Amino acid sequence: MKLRTGLLLLPLLLAALLLPAGCGGPAWDGPPILVFGMDGLEWSVLEPLMAAGRAPNFARLVERGVGGSLQTMIPTFSPVVWTTIATGAPPEEHGILNFGVWDPVKKEMGKPYTSNCRAVPAIWNLADDLGRSVLSVAWWVSWPAEAVEHGRIVASYAAQVQGRLLWKSGVWERGLPEHTWPPELREQILPALADGRDGGPLTEQFIARFGRIRPGPALKFRRHLAGLFHVAFRGDATHVRIMREQLERQVADLNLVYIGLPDVAGHFYWRYREPERFLHKPDPALVAELGGHIDRAYEQADAWLGEVLAAVPEETIVLVLSDHGMHAFNTETPESLEQGGLQSGGHEDAPDGVLIAAGPGVRRRGLLPAGERRLGGVLDVAPTLCDLLGIELPAAARGASLRRVLMTDEWCAAHPEPGRRDYRRGFRPPTPPREPYAGASQDFLEDLVKGLGYIDSVD
């Protein structure tokens, strides 16, 4: 009887052996992983806020683990670097080379890159391929949402006109096709999208944090900046809420979320935070009104971090990282020229970003000394995540796992170093950028103009 049972099972065993290698992997019983991407986060701003008790969630994470820096690359364009972070591949291999594809006829930036343009799998593809569950919210170049058997994706799309103004994802309250995977996930996020509309409850939160625009010098300029800043705030706040609500439903093995507010604040308001760094000093009235906006944006990022951390188990491995740092830029430019479009915070010289790690198995080293902070580079993030998930590293990845830098000797001994695997075999070929629907860029512009008035003074 035992022999007969074995013969009956033999075809099933053979069939299992013949399944494609990408159809699953060994069961995973490790801790969940949370990756919180924060664009443009900079230690010279964050460190004093932590010391002053104004960024308590960041401070607690660093105390539980390690705070260091992450080497970036040139160019420091957000879609390029965040795609490298998600793939472990350099731009010439993953195929996302700028914000959008260059139009040689019009001699201008064309449609923004979309997920179908990517030539290599992202970490959510790799994890899903080997049976790990995934949750990704608002990652750069993630629209259209890719089908993942074991995951949920809420995609982010930067429209052509939006890109020229801001290059942040905003909130698509009018509806975005292929916004989520699975498609029915969109029904769950509709309340958050509705609250993210212009003039909705998030506008009052923005005013509570950053104040209203008051009469005074450069009013038109201040309204313009505040309008764009408001769009970024609403987008981030909406995505953080979606992330928190999805985590409350189910924490995945790998959980990723992105916000862009620190980067936007740095670009717009650095002159007013550090007026002494600039040859042409800004109006003192503007310094008084705008000089605290970068710090307030970091305090807001800390609050959002706290919301997300409250929704994951204590044993979660947490990585907080930025694609680059930020510093004073265009320091010899007159303020009048800056108001014409130049930014006072920049990162063109590729300053290191932030990397914070905490959780089970992470070395408790605290905040590293300023000259000894570099823990790795953006090419190392995807290999490190693969290692933490117990799956093979991408063969195309140029970086390596940061296990020896981030994790304890005990963890390393208990987790054999993984090999490499060519995940590109069978991955769909890249195709040209797509647009969600005709007129998407115009829709964004109309929404932006409509939103400018909500943050003016009521006086």
Foldseek 3Di string as FASTA:
>chain_A
DVVVVVVVCVVVVVVVVPPPPLQAADDFDFFAAEEEEEAAAACVLVVVCVVVVLQVLVQVLLQQFNKFWAFFDPPLAQLQLLQLLFALFHCVQQVQDHQADQDPVVRGGDWGAALLQTFADGLLSNCLSHPFEEEEFARRRCPLPDERPRYKYQYFGQGPLNCVQAPGRFADLVDFPSRMPPPVVVVVLNVLSVQLAFPHPQLVVVCVLQNFQDDDPPSVLVLSLVLNLSRLSSVQVSRLVSQLVVLLVPRTNYYYYYGYNLVSLQFAQQCLQCVVLAPAGDDVVCSVRNNCVNSSSSSVVSVSSVSNVVSGDQQYKYKYKYNAHKHFDPRHDHPVVVSVPGTGMDQSVRHIMMIGIRHPFWHSDRYDPPVPRHQYYSSQNSQQVCQSRLHAAEPNRPHHHSCVRTGDPVVPVVRDRHHYDHNSVVPDGRDHHDDRDPCPSVVVVVSSVVNSPSRHDPD
